Amino acid sequence: MILASASDTRRLVLSEAMEEKYTILRNGKVLFKNLTQEEYFDIMEDLSIEYYQKGSPNPSTLETKIIRIG
């Protein structure tokens, strides 16, 4: 049995209602837009592997913008 206070339940409902979308930019240019969190994590993992294998893209050139929807 799991017990939760009313404030915990409200926070959970609010966090579920707030969806986040991610945009990845490189040197200010959009690489990927309107990503879910799972898509964002997958792409960032791919970019990190590419960096360690090829030396590019340099992490300092990447930027993430998060948009909350809801």
Protein backbone atom coordinates (compact mmCIF):
# COMPACT_ATOMS: atom_id res chain seq x y z
CA MET A 1 0.00 0.00 0.00
CA ILE A 2 1.34 3.43 -0.93
CA LEU A 3 0.27 6.52 0.99
CA ALA A 4 0.70 10.00 -0.45
CA SER A 5 -0.21 13.34 0.99
CA ALA A 6 -2.55 15.67 -0.87
CA SER A 7 0.32 18.04 -1.69
CA ASP A 8 2.38 15.15 -3.13
CA THR A 9 -0.57 14.08 -5.25
CA ARG A 10 -1.08 17.65 -6.53
CA ARG A 11 2.61 17.94 -7.45
CA LEU A 12 2.42 14.64 -9.33
CA VAL A 13 -0.68 15.73 -11.25
CA LEU A 14 0.88 19.10 -12.12
CA SER A 15 4.13 17.52 -13.27
CA GLU A 16 2.24 15.08 -15.48
CA ALA A 17 0.22 17.94 -16.97
CA MET A 18 3.37 19.91 -17.83
CA GLU A 19 4.91 18.32 -20.88
CA GLU A 20 8.39 19.34 -21.96
CA LYS A 21 9.73 19.55 -25.51
CA TYR A 22 13.42 19.87 -26.28
CA THR A 23 15.37 21.66 -29.01
CA ILE A 24 19.06 20.98 -29.61
CA LEU A 25 21.14 23.73 -31.21
CA ARG A 26 24.72 23.70 -32.45
CA ASN A 27 26.40 27.09 -32.78
CA GLY A 28 22.93 28.66 -32.64
CA LYS A 29 21.48 26.54 -35.48
CA VAL A 30 18.68 24.08 -34.77
CA LEU A 31 19.73 20.45 -35.16
CA PHE A 32 16.62 18.85 -33.66
CA LYS A 33 13.33 20.41 -32.60
CA ASN A 34 10.20 19.42 -30.67
CA LEU A 35 11.75 16.31 -29.10
CA THR A 36 10.26 14.28 -26.28
CA GLN A 37 12.46 13.66 -23.27
CA GLU A 38 13.22 10.12 -24.45
CA GLU A 39 14.13 11.32 -27.96
CA TYR A 40 16.31 14.06 -26.46
CA PHE A 41 18.23 11.60 -24.26
CA ASP A 42 18.72 9.20 -27.19
CA ILE A 43 20.09 11.95 -29.45
CA MET A 44 22.37 13.35 -26.75
CA GLU A 45 23.75 9.86 -26.17
CA ASP A 46 24.39 9.50 -29.92
CA LEU A 47 26.10 12.90 -30.03
CA SER A 48 28.31 12.03 -27.07
CA ILE A 49 29.38 8.75 -28.68
CA GLU A 50 30.12 10.62 -31.93
CA TYR A 51 32.22 13.15 -29.99
CA TYR A 52 34.34 10.45 -28.36
CA GLN A 53 34.77 8.56 -31.64
CA LYS A 54 35.34 11.52 -34.02
CA GLY A 55 36.00 14.54 -31.81
CA SER A 56 32.90 16.36 -33.03
CA PRO A 57 30.47 17.87 -32.17
CA ASN A 58 32.25 19.63 -29.34
CA PRO A 59 29.89 19.77 -26.33
CA SER A 60 30.66 23.46 -25.83
CA THR A 61 28.96 24.19 -29.19
CA LEU A 62 25.70 22.50 -28.18
CA GLU A 63 22.77 24.16 -26.44
CA THR A 64 19.43 22.80 -25.25
CA LYS A 65 16.21 24.77 -25.05
CA ILE A 66 13.35 23.31 -23.03
CA ILE A 67 9.77 24.39 -23.65
CA ARG A 68 7.11 23.51 -21.10
CA ILE A 69 3.70 22.83 -22.57
CA GLY A 70 0.54 22.51 -20.56
